[in-house]
PDB file of N, CA and C in Angstrom:
ATOM      1  N   UNK A   1      21.129  25.080  52.291  1.00  0.00           N
ATOM      2  CA  UNK A   1      20.629  23.718  52.530  1.00  0.00           C
ATOM      3  C   UNK A   1      19.499  22.923  51.782  1.00  0.00           C
ATOM      4  N   UNK A   2      19.695  21.952  51.294  1.00  0.00           N
ATOM      5  CA  UNK A   2      18.512  21.278  50.313  1.00  0.00           C
ATOM      6  C   UNK A   2      17.864  20.283  51.005  1.00  0.00           C
ATOM      7  N   UNK A   3      16.549  19.979  50.584  1.00  0.00           N
ATOM      8  CA  UNK A   3      15.945  19.098  51.175  1.00  0.00           C
ATOM      9  C   UNK A   3      15.965  17.866  50.234  1.00  0.00           C
ATOM     10  N   UNK A   4      16.468  16.760  50.685  1.00  0.00           N
ATOM     11  CA  UNK A   4      16.719  15.457  49.749  1.00  0.00           C
ATOM     12  C   UNK A   4      15.916  14.440  50.392  1.00  0.00           C
ATOM     13  N   UNK A   5      15.119  14.117  49.368  1.00  0.00           N
ATOM     14  CA  UNK A   5      13.994  12.994  49.766  1.00  0.00           C
ATOM     15  C   UNK A   5      14.379  11.588  49.073  1.00  0.00           C
ATOM     16  N   UNK A   6      14.076  10.672  49.580  1.00  0.00           N
ATOM     17  CA  UNK A   6      14.331   9.208  48.820  1.00  0.00           C
ATOM     18  C   UNK A   6      14.044   9.109  47.531  1.00  0.00           C
ATOM     19  N   UNK A   7      13.074   9.841  46.956  1.00  0.00           N
ATOM     20  CA  UNK A   7      12.729   9.703  45.639  1.00  0.00           C
ATOM     21  C   UNK A   7      13.880  10.625  44.740  1.00  0.00           C
ATOM     22  N   UNK A   8      14.240  11.808  45.210  1.00  0.00           N
ATOM     23  CA  UNK A   8      15.417  12.698  44.619  1.00  0.00           C
ATOM     24  C   UNK A   8      16.635  11.730  44.844  1.00  0.00           C
ATOM     25  N   UNK A   9      16.875  11.161  45.762  1.00  0.00           N
ATOM     26  CA  UNK A   9      18.199  10.466  45.777  1.00  0.00           C
ATOM     27  C   UNK A   9      18.083   9.125  44.906  1.00  0.00           C
ATOM     28  N   UNK A  10      16.750   8.510  44.455  1.00  0.00           N
ATOM     29  CA  UNK A  10      16.800   7.556  43.537  1.00  0.00           C
ATOM     30  C   UNK A  10      17.047   8.265  42.163  1.00  0.00           C
ATOM     31  N   UNK A  11      16.649   9.189  41.962  1.00  0.00           N
ATOM     32  CA  UNK A  11      16.793   9.868  40.685  1.00  0.00           C
ATOM     33  C   UNK A  11      18.406  10.486  40.551  1.00  0.00           C
ATOM     34  N   UNK A  12      19.043  10.504  41.423  1.00  0.00           N
ATOM     35  CA  UNK A  12      20.577  11.087  41.229  1.00  0.00           C
ATOM     36  C   UNK A  12      20.715  12.520  41.464  1.00  0.00           C
ATOM     37  N   UNK A  13      19.603  13.192  41.705  1.00  0.00           N
ATOM     38  CA  UNK A  13      19.654  14.654  41.818  1.00  0.00           C
ATOM     39  C   UNK A  13      21.073  15.307  42.396  1.00  0.00           C
ATOM     40  N   UNK A  14      21.573  16.158  42.035  1.00  0.00           N
ATOM     41  CA  UNK A  14      22.895  16.879  42.612  1.00  0.00           C
ATOM     42  C   UNK A  14      22.461  18.449  42.685  1.00  0.00           C
ATOM     43  N   UNK A  15      22.662  19.270  43.804  1.00  0.00           N
ATOM     44  CA  UNK A  15      22.076  20.351  44.138  1.00  0.00           C
ATOM     45  C   UNK A  15      23.277  21.360  43.908  1.00  0.00           C
ATOM     46  N   UNK A  16      22.767  22.574  43.476  1.00  0.00           N
ATOM     47  CA  UNK A  16      24.079  23.811  43.425  1.00  0.00           C
ATOM     48  C   UNK A  16      23.145  24.954  43.769  1.00  0.00           C
ATOM     49  N   UNK A  17      23.295  25.811  44.866  1.00  0.00           N
ATOM     50  CA  UNK A  17      22.802  27.078  45.160  1.00  0.00           C
ATOM     51  C   UNK A  17      23.546  28.161  44.229  1.00  0.00           C
ATOM     52  N   UNK A  18      22.788  28.875  43.394  1.00  0.00           N
ATOM     53  CA  UNK A  18      23.324  29.981  42.510  1.00  0.00           C
ATOM     54  C   UNK A  18      23.521  31.304  43.349  1.00  0.00           C
ATOM     55  N   UNK A  19      22.417  31.682  43.971  1.00  0.00           N
ATOM     56  CA  UNK A  19      22.330  32.808  44.822  1.00  0.00           C
ATOM     57  C   UNK A  19      20.918  32.754  45.870  1.00  0.00           C
ATOM     58  N   UNK A  20      20.713  33.505  46.476  1.00  0.00           N
ATOM     59  CA  UNK A  20      19.661  33.375  47.668  1.00  0.00           C
ATOM     60  C   UNK A  20      18.233  32.815  46.834  1.00  0.00           C
ATOM     61  N   UNK A  21      17.945  33.078  45.856  1.00  0.00           N
ATOM     62  CA  UNK A  21      16.845  32.613  45.296  1.00  0.00           C
ATOM     63  C   UNK A  21      16.508  31.971  44.141  1.00  0.00           C
ATOM     64  N   UNK A  22      17.750  31.306  43.615  1.00  0.00           N
ATOM     65  CA  UNK A  22      18.080  30.316  42.452  1.00  0.00           C
ATOM     66  C   UNK A  22      18.824  29.279  42.828  1.00  0.00           C
ATOM     67  N   UNK A  23      18.557  28.205  42.259  1.00  0.00           N
ATOM     68  CA  UNK A  23      19.491  26.961  42.338  1.00  0.00           C
ATOM     69  C   UNK A  23      19.446  26.226  40.899  1.00  0.00           C
ATOM     70  N   UNK A  24      20.447  25.260  40.862  1.00  0.00           N
ATOM     71  CA  UNK A  24      20.415  24.313  39.614  1.00  0.00           C
ATOM     72  C   UNK A  24      20.509  23.064  40.429  1.00  0.00           C
ATOM     73  N   UNK A  25      19.534  22.126  39.616  1.00  0.00           N
ATOM     74  CA  UNK A  25      19.608  20.689  39.776  1.00  0.00           C
ATOM     75  C   UNK A  25      19.936  19.956  38.703  1.00  0.00           C
ATOM     76  N   UNK A  26      21.046  18.945  39.035  1.00  0.00           N
ATOM     77  CA  UNK A  26      21.403  18.251  37.717  1.00  0.00           C
ATOM     78  C   UNK A  26      21.036  17.038  37.888  1.00  0.00           C
ATOM     79  N   UNK A  27      20.432  16.255  36.799  1.00  0.00           N
ATOM     80  CA  UNK A  27      20.047  14.800  36.852  1.00  0.00           C
ATOM     81  C   UNK A  27      20.880  14.049  35.770  1.00  0.00           C
ATOM     82  N   UNK A  28      21.600  13.184  36.215  1.00  0.00           N
ATOM     83  CA  UNK A  28      22.554  12.127  35.474  1.00  0.00           C
ATOM     84  C   UNK A  28      21.159  11.408  34.630  1.00  0.00           C
ATOM     85  N   UNK A  29      21.291  11.390  33.230  1.00  0.00           N
ATOM     86  CA  UNK A  29      20.423  10.605  32.506  1.00  0.00           C
ATOM     87  C   UNK A  29      20.888   9.044  32.530  1.00  0.00           C
ATOM     88  N   UNK A  30      19.617   8.182  32.831  1.00  0.00           N
ATOM     89  CA  UNK A  30      20.134   6.756  32.982  1.00  0.00           C
ATOM     90  C   UNK A  30      19.161   6.102  31.956  1.00  0.00           C
ATOM     91  N   UNK A  31      19.372   4.973  31.351  1.00  0.00           N
ATOM     92  CA  UNK A  31      18.388   4.234  30.400  1.00  0.00           C
ATOM     93  C   UNK A  31      17.066   4.122  31.078  1.00  0.00           C
ATOM     94  N   UNK A  32      17.056   4.146  32.365  1.00  0.00           N
ATOM     95  CA  UNK A  32      15.572   3.700  32.818  1.00  0.00           C
ATOM     96  C   UNK A  32      14.706   5.105  32.727  1.00  0.00           C
ATOM     97  N   UNK A  33      15.346   6.247  32.349  1.00  0.00           N
ATOM     98  CA  UNK A  33      14.602   7.264  32.243  1.00  0.00           C
ATOM     99  C   UNK A  33      14.063   7.666  30.956  1.00  0.00           C
ATOM    100  N   UNK A  34      14.408   7.100  30.083  1.00  0.00           N
ATOM    101  CA  UNK A  34      14.017   7.126  28.780  1.00  0.00           C
ATOM    102  C   UNK A  34      12.663   6.472  28.200  1.00  0.00           C
ATOM    103  N   UNK A  35      12.064   7.309  27.440  1.00  0.00           N
ATOM    104  CA  UNK A  35      10.784   6.816  26.869  1.00  0.00           C
ATOM    105  C   UNK A  35      10.994   6.022  25.346  1.00  0.00           C
ATOM    106  N   UNK A  36       9.779   5.612  24.782  1.00  0.00           N
ATOM    107  CA  UNK A  36       9.903   4.657  23.772  1.00  0.00           C
ATOM    108  C   UNK A  36      10.500   5.494  22.415  1.00  0.00           C
ATOM    109  N   UNK A  37      10.587   6.664  22.509  1.00  0.00           N
ATOM    110  CA  UNK A  37      11.577   7.372  21.526  1.00  0.00           C
ATOM    111  C   UNK A  37      12.941   7.889  21.939  1.00  0.00           C
ATOM    112  N   UNK A  38      13.293   7.383  22.889  1.00  0.00           N
ATOM    113  CA  UNK A  38      14.703   7.437  23.448  1.00  0.00           C
ATOM    114  C   UNK A  38      14.865   8.818  23.942  1.00  0.00           C
ATOM    115  N   UNK A  39      13.894   9.488  24.383  1.00  0.00           N
ATOM    116  CA  UNK A  39      14.198  10.780  25.069  1.00  0.00           C
ATOM    117  C   UNK A  39      13.778  10.685  26.462  1.00  0.00           C
ATOM    118  N   UNK A  40      14.157  11.727  27.419  1.00  0.00           N
ATOM    119  CA  UNK A  40      13.961  11.522  28.888  1.00  0.00           C
ATOM    120  C   UNK A  40      12.376  11.721  28.769  1.00  0.00           C
ATOM    121  N   UNK A  41      11.805  10.629  29.728  1.00  0.00           N
ATOM    122  CA  UNK A  41      10.261  10.777  30.067  1.00  0.00           C
ATOM    123  C   UNK A  41       9.903  12.057  30.512  1.00  0.00           C
ATOM    124  N   UNK A  42       8.806  12.521  29.941  1.00  0.00           N
ATOM    125  CA  UNK A  42       8.275  13.952  30.518  1.00  0.00           C
ATOM    126  C   UNK A  42       7.875  13.808  32.008  1.00  0.00           C
ATOM    127  N   UNK A  43       7.637  12.870  32.521  1.00  0.00           N
ATOM    128  CA  UNK A  43       7.505  12.904  34.359  1.00  0.00           C
ATOM    129  C   UNK A  43       8.612  12.900  34.862  1.00  0.00           C
ATOM    130  N   UNK A  44       9.742  12.501  34.456  1.00  0.00           N
ATOM    131  CA  UNK A  44      11.082  12.618  34.778  1.00  0.00           C
ATOM    132  C   UNK A  44      11.349  14.074  34.719  1.00  0.00           C
ATOM    133  N   UNK A  45      11.275  14.919  33.846  1.00  0.00           N
ATOM    134  CA  UNK A  45      11.606  16.304  33.561  1.00  0.00           C
ATOM    135  C   UNK A  45      10.537  17.142  34.508  1.00  0.00           C
ATOM    136  N   UNK A  46       9.381  16.786  34.544  1.00  0.00           N
ATOM    137  CA  UNK A  46       8.427  17.374  35.448  1.00  0.00           C
ATOM    138  C   UNK A  46       8.866  17.148  36.986  1.00  0.00           C
ATOM    139  N   UNK A  47       9.288  16.093  37.382  1.00  0.00           N
ATOM    140  CA  UNK A  47       9.688  15.966  38.659  1.00  0.00           C
ATOM    141  C   UNK A  47      11.068  16.779  39.052  1.00  0.00           C
ATOM    142  N   UNK A  48      11.880  16.834  37.759  1.00  0.00           N
ATOM    143  CA  UNK A  48      13.143  17.480  38.079  1.00  0.00           C
ATOM    144  C   UNK A  48      12.743  18.967  38.323  1.00  0.00           C
ATOM    145  N   UNK A  49      11.899  19.544  37.509  1.00  0.00           N
ATOM    146  CA  UNK A  49      11.578  21.014  37.640  1.00  0.00           C
ATOM    147  C   UNK A  49      10.818  21.354  38.859  1.00  0.00           C
ATOM    148  N   UNK A  50      10.016  20.550  39.360  1.00  0.00           N
ATOM    149  CA  UNK A  50       9.380  20.543  40.431  1.00  0.00           C
ATOM    150  C   UNK A  50      10.167  20.673  41.748  1.00  0.00           C
ATOM    151  N   UNK A  51      11.095  19.456  41.821  1.00  0.00           N
ATOM    152  CA  UNK A  51      12.098  19.745  42.935  1.00  0.00           C
ATOM    153  C   UNK A  51      13.043  20.846  42.942  1.00  0.00           C
ATOM    154  N   UNK A  52      13.377  21.248  41.668  1.00  0.00           N
ATOM    155  CA  UNK A  52      14.215  22.384  41.644  1.00  0.00           C
ATOM    156  C   UNK A  52      13.452  23.485  42.203  1.00  0.00           C
ATOM    157  N   UNK A  53      12.432  23.795  41.720  1.00  0.00           N
ATOM    158  CA  UNK A  53      11.585  25.097  41.928  1.00  0.00           C
ATOM    159  C   UNK A  53      11.423  25.088  43.826  1.00  0.00           C
ATOM    160  N   UNK A  54      11.067  23.833  44.033  1.00  0.00           N
ATOM    161  CA  UNK A  54      10.672  23.725  45.670  1.00  0.00           C
ATOM    162  C   UNK A  54      11.872  24.211  46.626  1.00  0.00           C
ATOM    163  N   UNK A  55      13.134  23.644  46.030  1.00  0.00           N
ATOM    164  CA  UNK A  55      14.196  23.914  46.632  1.00  0.00           C
ATOM    165  C   UNK A  55      14.808  25.493  46.663  1.00  0.00           C
ATOM    166  N   UNK A  56      14.072  26.241  45.698  1.00  0.00           N
ATOM    167  CA  UNK A  56      14.423  27.727  45.960  1.00  0.00           C
ATOM    168  C   UNK A  56      14.121  28.167  47.093  1.00  0.00           C
ATOM    169  N   UNK A  57      12.998  27.579  47.749  1.00  0.00           N
ATOM    170  CA  UNK A  57      12.613  28.248  49.176  1.00  0.00           C
ATOM    171  C   UNK A  57      13.249  27.428  50.241  1.00  0.00           C
ATOM    172  N   UNK A  58      13.976  28.133  51.184  1.00  0.00           N
ATOM    173  CA  UNK A  58      14.804  27.544  52.093  1.00  0.00           C
ATOM    174  C   UNK A  58      13.760  26.721  53.169  1.00  0.00           C
ATOM    175  N   UNK A  59      14.422  25.430  53.673  1.00  0.00           N
ATOM    176  CA  UNK A  59      13.725  24.686  54.663  1.00  0.00           C
ATOM    177  C   UNK A  59      13.715  25.572  56.007  1.00  0.00           C
ATOM    178  N   UNK A  60      13.058  24.981  56.868  1.00  0.00           N
ATOM    179  CA  UNK A  60      12.917  25.642  58.436  1.00  0.00           C
ATOM    180  C   UNK A  60      14.329  25.272  58.915  1.00  0.00           C
ATOM    181  N   UNK A  61      14.619  25.430  60.082  1.00  0.00           N
ATOM    182  CA  UNK A  61      15.721  25.413  60.885  1.00  0.00           C
ATOM    183  C   UNK A  61      16.088  23.821  61.039  1.00  0.00           C
ATOM    184  N   UNK A  62      15.028  22.928  61.192  1.00  0.00           N
ATOM    185  CA  UNK A  62      15.115  21.535  61.062  1.00  0.00           C
ATOM    186  C   UNK A  62      15.242  20.956  59.883  1.00  0.00           C
ATOM    187  N   UNK A  63      15.577  21.487  58.627  1.00  0.00           N
ATOM    188  CA  UNK A  63      15.776  21.016  57.288  1.00  0.00           C
ATOM    189  C   UNK A  63      14.438  20.411  57.140  1.00  0.00           C
ATOM    190  N   UNK A  64      13.001  20.895  57.360  1.00  0.00           N
ATOM    191  CA  UNK A  64      11.985  20.474  57.101  1.00  0.00           C
ATOM    192  C   UNK A  64      11.333  21.401  55.889  1.00  0.00           C
ATOM    193  N   UNK A  65      10.998  20.599  54.938  1.00  0.00           N
ATOM    194  CA  UNK A  65      10.404  21.524  53.643  1.00  0.00           C
ATOM    195  C   UNK A  65       9.036  22.373  54.177  1.00  0.00           C
ATOM    196  N   UNK A  66       9.103  23.623  53.819  1.00  0.00           N
ATOM    197  CA  UNK A  66       8.167  24.419  54.257  1.00  0.00           C
ATOM    198  C   UNK A  66       6.916  24.754  53.069  1.00  0.00           C
ATOM    199  N   UNK A  67       6.944  24.206  51.836  1.00  0.00           N
ATOM    200  CA  UNK A  67       6.302  24.549  50.777  1.00  0.00           C
ATOM    201  C   UNK A  67       5.756  23.125  49.977  1.00  0.00           C
ATOM    202  N   UNK A  68       4.360  23.384  49.557  1.00  0.00           N
ATOM    203  CA  UNK A  68       3.919  22.336  48.533  1.00  0.00           C
ATOM    204  C   UNK A  68       3.540  23.035  47.369  1.00  0.00           C
ATOM    205  N   UNK A  69       3.664  22.144  46.284  1.00  0.00           N
ATOM    206  CA  UNK A  69       3.111  22.635  44.976  1.00  0.00           C
ATOM    207  C   UNK A  69       1.618  22.535  45.072  1.00  0.00           C
ATOM    208  N   UNK A  70       1.144  23.754  44.538  1.00  0.00           N
ATOM    209  CA  UNK A  70      -0.196  23.941  44.190  1.00  0.00           C
ATOM    210  C   UNK A  70      -0.552  24.270  42.728  1.00  0.00           C
ATOM    211  N   UNK A  71       0.389  24.410  42.009  1.00  0.00           N
ATOM    212  CA  UNK A  71       0.139  24.628  40.501  1.00  0.00           C
ATOM    213  C   UNK A  71       1.575  24.352  39.775  1.00  0.00           C
ATOM    214  N   UNK A  72       1.594  23.411  38.628  1.00  0.00           N
ATOM    215  CA  UNK A  72       2.709  23.162  37.928  1.00  0.00           C
ATOM    216  C   UNK A  72       2.619  23.042  36.506  1.00  0.00           C
ATOM    217  N   UNK A  73       3.390  23.974  35.762  1.00  0.00           N
ATOM    218  CA  UNK A  73       3.140  23.758  34.286  1.00  0.00           C
ATOM    219  C   UNK A  73       4.474  23.647  33.475  1.00  0.00           C
ATOM    220  N   UNK A  74       4.523  22.663  32.958  1.00  0.00           N
ATOM    221  CA  UNK A  74       5.723  22.308  32.055  1.00  0.00           C
ATOM    222  C   UNK A  74       5.389  22.256  30.884  1.00  0.00           C
ATOM    223  N   UNK A  75       6.283  22.840  29.969  1.00  0.00           N
ATOM    224  CA  UNK A  75       6.250  22.975  28.491  1.00  0.00           C
ATOM    225  C   UNK A  75       7.387  22.267  27.922  1.00  0.00           C
ATOM    226  N   UNK A  76       7.183  21.185  27.109  1.00  0.00           N
ATOM    227  CA  UNK A  76       8.411  20.668  26.504  1.00  0.00           C
ATOM    228  C   UNK A  76       8.750  20.918  25.335  1.00  0.00           C
ATOM    229  N   UNK A  77      10.106  21.558  24.834  1.00  0.00           N
ATOM    230  CA  UNK A  77      10.394  22.202  23.743  1.00  0.00           C
ATOM    231  C   UNK A  77      10.848  21.500  22.758  1.00  0.00           C
ATOM    232  N   UNK A  78      11.737  20.503  23.296  1.00  0.00           N
ATOM    233  CA  UNK A  78      12.407  19.508  22.217  1.00  0.00           C
ATOM    234  C   UNK A  78      12.744  18.362  22.900  1.00  0.00           C
ATOM    235  N   UNK A  79      13.167  17.319  22.176  1.00  0.00           N
ATOM    236  CA  UNK A  79      13.809  15.809  22.982  1.00  0.00           C
ATOM    237  C   UNK A  79      14.688  16.003  23.866  1.00  0.00           C
ATOM    238  N   UNK A  80      14.500  15.732  25.124  1.00  0.00           N
ATOM    239  CA  UNK A  80      15.719  15.691  26.136  1.00  0.00           C
ATOM    240  C   UNK A  80      16.615  14.643  26.025  1.00  0.00           C
ATOM    241  N   UNK A  81      17.719  14.677  25.495  1.00  0.00           N
ATOM    242  CA  UNK A  81      18.820  13.589  25.411  1.00  0.00           C
ATOM    243  C   UNK A  81      20.147  14.196  25.890  1.00  0.00           C
ATOM    244  N   UNK A  82      21.141  13.180  26.129  1.00  0.00           N
ATOM    245  CA  UNK A  82      22.357  13.573  26.530  1.00  0.00           C
ATOM    246  C   UNK A  82      22.626  12.787  27.778  1.00  0.00           C
ATOM    247  N   UNK A  83      23.859  13.206  28.382  1.00  0.00           N
ATOM    248  CA  UNK A  83      24.296  12.633  29.679  1.00  0.00           C
ATOM    249  C   UNK A  83      23.828  13.030  30.890  1.00  0.00           C
ATOM    250  N   UNK A  84      23.046  14.045  30.857  1.00  0.00           N
ATOM    251  CA  UNK A  84      22.461  14.943  32.011  1.00  0.00           C
ATOM    252  C   UNK A  84      21.617  15.968  31.590  1.00  0.00           C
ATOM    253  N   UNK A  85      20.679  16.243  32.423  1.00  0.00           N
ATOM    254  CA  UNK A  85      19.939  17.443  32.356  1.00  0.00           C
ATOM    255  C   UNK A  85      20.075  18.484  33.486  1.00  0.00           C
ATOM    256  N   UNK A  86      19.962  19.670  33.183  1.00  0.00           N
ATOM    257  CA  UNK A  86      19.912  20.837  34.217  1.00  0.00           C
ATOM    258  C   UNK A  86      18.844  21.620  34.552  1.00  0.00           C
ATOM    259  N   UNK A  87      18.411  21.774  35.502  1.00  0.00           N
ATOM    260  CA  UNK A  87      17.191  22.707  36.071  1.00  0.00           C
ATOM    261  C   UNK A  87      17.572  23.790  36.705  1.00  0.00           C
ATOM    262  N   UNK A  88      17.146  24.964  36.008  1.00  0.00           N
ATOM    263  CA  UNK A  88      17.887  26.360  36.871  1.00  0.00           C
ATOM    264  C   UNK A  88      16.488  26.701  37.034  1.00  0.00           C
ATOM    265  N   UNK A  89      16.299  27.121  38.330  1.00  0.00           N
ATOM    266  CA  UNK A  89      14.794  27.513  38.918  1.00  0.00           C
ATOM    267  C   UNK A  89      15.415  28.944  39.675  1.00  0.00           C
ATOM    268  N   UNK A  90      14.315  29.886  39.451  1.00  0.00           N
ATOM    269  CA  UNK A  90      14.622  31.199  40.092  1.00  0.00           C
ATOM    270  C   UNK A  90      13.239  31.633  40.627  1.00  0.00           C
ATOM    271  N   UNK A  91      13.328  32.111  41.715  1.00  0.00           N
ATOM    272  CA  UNK A  91      11.857  33.024  42.344  1.00  0.00           C
ATOM    273  C   UNK A  91      11.623  34.072  41.524  1.00  0.00           C
ATOM    274  N   UNK A  92      10.261  34.022  41.186  1.00  0.00           N
ATOM    275  CA  UNK A  92       9.737  35.257  40.526  1.00  0.00           C
ATOM    276  C   UNK A  92       9.133  36.369  41.322  1.00  0.00           C
ATOM    277  N   UNK A  93       8.326  35.625  42.271  1.00  0.00           N
ATOM    278  CA  UNK A  93       7.704  36.599  43.236  1.00  0.00           C
ATOM    279  C   UNK A  93       7.468  35.818  44.678  1.00  0.00           C
ATOM    280  N   UNK A  94       7.828  36.383  45.798  1.00  0.00           N
ATOM    281  CA  UNK A  94       7.460  35.654  47.040  1.00  0.00           C
ATOM    282  C   UNK A  94       6.595  36.512  47.824  1.00  0.00           C
ATOM    283  N   UNK A  95       5.418  35.898  47.952  1.00  0.00           N
ATOM    284  CA  UNK A  95       4.518  36.687  48.950  1.00  0.00           C
ATOM    285  C   UNK A  95       4.416  35.987  50.266  1.00  0.00           C
ATOM    286  N   UNK A  96       3.433  36.385  51.079  1.00  0.00           N
ATOM    287  CA  UNK A  96       3.292  35.715  52.407  1.00  0.00           C
ATOM    288  C   UNK A  96       2.860  34.432  52.428  1.00  0.00           C
ATOM    289  N   UNK A  97       2.000  33.981  51.423  1.00  0.00           N
ATOM    290  CA  UNK A  97       1.633  32.387  51.490  1.00  0.00           C
ATOM    291  C   UNK A  97       2.212  31.863  50.226  1.00  0.00           C
ATOM    292  N   UNK A  98       2.339  32.537  49.256  1.00  0.00           N
ATOM    293  CA  UNK A  98       2.594  31.960  47.791  1.00  0.00           C
ATOM    294  C   UNK A  98       3.723  32.439  46.976  1.00  0.00           C
ATOM    295  N   UNK A  99       4.615  31.394  46.635  1.00  0.00           N
ATOM    296  CA  UNK A  99       5.775  31.866  45.896  1.00  0.00           C
ATOM    297  C   UNK A  99       5.790  31.269  44.360  1.00  0.00           C
ATOM    298  N   UNK A 100       5.861  32.201  43.487  1.00  0.00           N
ATOM    299  CA  UNK A 100       6.039  31.784  42.127  1.00  0.00           C
ATOM    300  C   UNK A 100       7.550  31.589  41.649  1.00  0.00           C
ATOM    301  N   UNK A 101       7.569  30.565  40.717  1.00  0.00           N
ATOM    302  CA  UNK A 101       9.047  30.271  40.387  1.00  0.00           C
ATOM    303  C   UNK A 101       8.807  29.821  39.168  1.00  0.00           C
ATOM    304  N   UNK A 102      10.074  30.057  38.248  1.00  0.00           N
ATOM    305  CA  UNK A 102      10.098  29.965  36.633  1.00  0.00           C
ATOM    306  C   UNK A 102      11.472  28.843  36.966  1.00  0.00           C
ATOM    307  N   UNK A 103      11.504  28.112  35.859  1.00  0.00           N
ATOM    308  CA  UNK A 103      12.431  27.031  35.787  1.00  0.00           C
ATOM    309  C   UNK A 103      12.618  26.860  34.398  1.00  0.00           C
ATOM    310  N   UNK A 104      13.817  26.694  33.817  1.00  0.00           N
ATOM    311  CA  UNK A 104      14.379  26.217  32.540  1.00  0.00           C
ATOM    312  C   UNK A 104      15.020  25.100  32.563  1.00  0.00           C
ATOM    313  N   UNK A 105      14.822  23.988  31.676  1.00  0.00           N
ATOM    314  CA  UNK A 105      15.786  22.719  32.064  1.00  0.00           C
ATOM    315  C   UNK A 105      16.376  22.641  30.449  1.00  0.00           C
ATOM    316  N   UNK A 106      17.880  22.411  30.749  1.00  0.00           N
ATOM    317  CA  UNK A 106      18.774  22.294  29.674  1.00  0.00           C
ATOM    318  C   UNK A 106      19.494  20.887  29.563  1.00  0.00           C
ATOM    319  N   UNK A 107      19.905  20.696  28.334  1.00  0.00           N
ATOM    320  CA  UNK A 107      20.548  19.355  28.222  1.00  0.00           C
ATOM    321  C   UNK A 107      21.998  19.582  28.378  1.00  0.00           C
ATOM    322  N   UNK A 108      22.752  18.494  27.945  1.00  0.00           N
ATOM    323  CA  UNK A 108      24.335  18.610  28.242  1.00  0.00           C
ATOM    324  C   UNK A 108      25.111  19.623  27.386  1.00  0.00           C
ATOM    325  N   UNK A 109      24.290  20.095  26.150  1.00  0.00           N
ATOM    326  CA  UNK A 109      24.704  20.871  25.268  1.00  0.00           C
ATOM    327  C   UNK A 109      24.292  22.234  25.541  1.00  0.00           C
ATOM    328  N   UNK A 110      23.604  22.653  26.608  1.00  0.00           N
ATOM    329  CA  UNK A 110      22.941  23.939  27.133  1.00  0.00           C
ATOM    330  C   UNK A 110      21.811  24.442  26.166  1.00  0.00           C
ATOM    331  N   UNK A 111      21.308  23.407  25.283  1.00  0.00           N
ATOM    332  CA  UNK A 111      19.897  23.571  24.718  1.00  0.00           C
ATOM    333  C   UNK A 111      18.821  23.631  25.678  1.00  0.00           C
ATOM    334  N   UNK A 112      17.853  24.433  25.782  1.00  0.00           N
ATOM    335  CA  UNK A 112      16.682  24.433  26.444  1.00  0.00           C
ATOM    336  C   UNK A 112      15.757  23.517  25.945  1.00  0.00           C
ATOM    337  N   UNK A 113      15.434  22.438  26.846  1.00  0.00           N
ATOM    338  CA  UNK A 113      14.436  21.201  26.278  1.00  0.00           C
ATOM    339  C   UNK A 113      13.143  21.318  27.041  1.00  0.00           C
ATOM    340  N   UNK A 114      13.183  22.326  27.888  1.00  0.00           N
ATOM    341  CA  UNK A 114      11.704  22.379  28.715  1.00  0.00           C
ATOM    342  C   UNK A 114      11.807  23.631  29.345  1.00  0.00           C
ATOM    343  N   UNK A 115      10.582  24.123  29.692  1.00  0.00           N
ATOM    344  CA  UNK A 115      10.449  25.401  30.582  1.00  0.00           C
ATOM    345  C   UNK A 115       9.289  25.216  31.459  1.00  0.00           C
ATOM    346  N   UNK A 116       9.203  25.496  32.647  1.00  0.00           N
ATOM    347  CA  UNK A 116       8.383  25.210  33.885  1.00  0.00           C
ATOM    348  C   UNK A 116       8.133  26.415  34.410  1.00  0.00           C
ATOM    349  N   UNK A 117       6.771  26.617  35.193  1.00  0.00           N
ATOM    350  CA  UNK A 117       6.450  27.569  35.997  1.00  0.00           C
ATOM    351  C   UNK A 117       5.725  26.775  37.231  1.00  0.00           C
ATOM    352  N   UNK A 118       5.788  27.406  38.494  1.00  0.00           N
ATOM    353  CA  UNK A 118       5.076  26.714  39.409  1.00  0.00           C
ATOM    354  C   UNK A 118       4.604  27.684  40.653  1.00  0.00           C
ATOM    355  N   UNK A 119       3.447  27.399  41.382  1.00  0.00           N
ATOM    356  CA  UNK A 119       3.051  28.188  42.430  1.00  0.00           C
ATOM    357  C   UNK A 119       3.211  27.231  43.593  1.00  0.00           C
ATOM    358  N   UNK A 120       3.865  27.795  44.697  1.00  0.00           N
ATOM    359  CA  UNK A 120       4.055  26.991  45.991  1.00  0.00           C
ATOM    360  C   UNK A 120       3.367  27.726  47.276  1.00  0.00           C
ATOM    361  N   UNK A 121       2.648  26.872  47.843  1.00  0.00           N
ATOM    362  CA  UNK A 121       2.169  27.374  49.096  1.00  0.00           C
ATOM    363  C   UNK A 121       3.163  27.236  50.292  1.00  0.00           C
ATOM    364  N   UNK A 122       3.427  28.333  50.789  1.00  0.00           N
ATOM    365  CA  UNK A 122       4.216  28.429  52.163  1.00  0.00           C
ATOM    366  C   UNK A 122       3.603  28.055  53.352  1.00  0.00           C
ATOM    367  N   UNK A 123       3.636  26.744  53.837  1.00  0.00           N
ATOM    368  CA  UNK A 123       2.930  26.213  55.224  1.00  0.00           C
ATOM    369  C   UNK A 123       3.332  26.803  56.193  1.00  0.00           C
TER     370      UNK A 123
END
């Protein structure tokens, strides 16, 4: 089960569970998401990675998100272009209150365009 908020729906995210602790989130690229150099805006990529990483942690029985981001780091490696981007997020370490997650963002040619990591507080 994935938590889909109105912002996620606006961006058009598509979710796929890879295994218990990993997911892929696909973002269809729209002209609205491009910056002045024709690449996907860094804020969109940051949102994609944050949503992917948050969704590695299952919601509660009422489908309510149980985590909030307390640290997010995104490194942009090359211009993100193409028809879609895919974020592949995996849990690195899950503690009692904190979960560490890594995420790689790929373009439609499977090039890594960004990498991210985050720490999430389990409320």
